[in-house]
Amino acid sequence: MSVTGPADVSVYTTNSLGSPTIWFDSGDGLPDARTIAVNTHANWAFDAAGTYTATFEVTATTSGGTPITTGQKTYNFTVRP
């Protein structure tokens, strides 16, 4: 994952008590990789208003053992104050 923008970006989940688990944090250096074994929903946090560009790739292995990938995809986020 790579991110450009006016400040840092984090992607995280929370447990049932609300404690976060940070998956990616552009403030501590990227790229990061994460292994996730189940369908999971994550939260995105932006440290400042502005426009961010995030590029990332998702890879997986099918139940039959075949590797698949999205290829690198770029997304733009506009964060308003």
Protein backbone atom coordinates (compact mmCIF):
# COMPACT_ATOMS: atom_id res chain seq x y z
CA MET A 1 0.00 0.00 0.00
CA SER A 2 1.19 3.52 -0.70
CA VAL A 3 -0.51 6.77 0.29
CA THR A 4 -0.04 10.40 -0.62
CA GLY A 5 -1.95 13.25 0.99
CA PRO A 6 -1.74 16.08 3.47
CA ALA A 7 -1.31 13.80 6.53
CA ASP A 8 -1.22 10.18 7.67
CA VAL A 9 -3.79 7.46 7.01
CA SER A 10 -4.54 4.40 9.14
CA VAL A 11 -6.64 1.32 8.45
CA TYR A 12 -7.81 -0.59 11.52
CA THR A 13 -10.37 -2.95 13.03
CA THR A 14 -11.81 -2.99 16.53
CA ASN A 15 -12.62 -5.89 18.82
CA SER A 16 -15.94 -6.29 20.67
CA LEU A 17 -14.72 -3.90 23.39
CA GLY A 18 -13.69 -1.21 20.90
CA SER A 19 -9.92 -1.71 21.17
CA PRO A 20 -8.25 -1.03 17.79
CA THR A 21 -5.90 -3.29 15.85
CA ILE A 22 -3.98 -1.22 13.32
CA TRP A 23 -3.45 -2.92 9.97
CA PHE A 24 -1.75 -0.11 8.06
CA ASP A 25 -0.35 3.23 9.20
CA SER A 26 1.30 5.56 6.70
CA GLY A 27 2.90 7.40 9.64
CA ASP A 28 5.17 4.47 10.49
CA GLY A 29 6.27 3.67 6.95
CA LEU A 30 4.74 1.80 4.05
CA PRO A 31 4.29 -0.58 2.34
CA ASP A 32 2.67 -2.89 4.86
CA ALA A 33 1.29 -6.37 4.30
CA ARG A 34 -1.45 -8.10 6.22
CA THR A 35 -2.68 -11.69 6.19
CA ILE A 36 -6.42 -11.98 6.76
CA ALA A 37 -8.04 -15.42 6.84
CA VAL A 38 -11.72 -14.37 6.84
CA ASN A 39 -14.00 -11.71 5.38
CA THR A 40 -13.32 -8.63 7.51
CA HIS A 41 -14.49 -5.02 7.44
CA ALA A 42 -12.01 -2.29 8.34
CA ASN A 43 -12.14 1.39 9.26
CA TRP A 44 -10.14 4.17 7.58
CA ALA A 45 -8.88 7.15 9.58
CA PHE A 46 -7.41 10.31 8.02
CA ASP A 47 -5.39 12.73 10.17
CA ALA A 48 -6.39 15.89 8.28
CA ALA A 49 -8.82 17.21 5.71
CA GLY A 50 -7.70 17.10 2.08
CA THR A 51 -7.33 14.74 -0.86
CA TYR A 52 -5.53 11.42 -0.43
CA THR A 53 -4.46 8.87 -3.02
CA ALA A 54 -4.05 5.26 -1.89
CA THR A 55 -2.67 2.50 -4.10
CA PHE A 56 -2.89 -1.09 -2.99
CA GLU A 57 -3.19 -4.66 -4.21
CA VAL A 58 -5.20 -7.49 -2.73
CA THR A 59 -4.08 -11.08 -3.24
CA ALA A 60 -5.73 -14.31 -2.20
CA THR A 61 -5.64 -18.04 -2.70
CA THR A 62 -8.79 -19.85 -3.79
CA SER A 63 -10.01 -22.93 -1.94
CA GLY A 64 -8.51 -24.89 -4.84
CA GLY A 65 -5.08 -23.38 -4.19
CA THR A 66 -4.98 -20.95 -7.13
CA PRO A 67 -3.44 -17.53 -6.37
CA ILE A 68 -5.46 -14.51 -7.55
CA THR A 69 -4.87 -10.76 -7.40
CA THR A 70 -6.63 -7.48 -8.07
CA GLY A 71 -3.43 -5.96 -9.44
CA GLN A 72 -2.53 -2.52 -8.14
CA LYS A 73 -5.59 -0.27 -7.80
CA THR A 74 -5.59 3.43 -6.99
CA TYR A 75 -8.35 5.16 -5.03
CA ASN A 76 -8.84 8.84 -4.24
CA PHE A 77 -10.44 10.01 -1.00
CA THR A 78 -11.56 13.55 -0.27
CA VAL A 79 -11.80 14.26 3.46
CA ARG A 80 -13.70 17.35 4.51
CA PRO A 81 -13.35 19.14 7.82
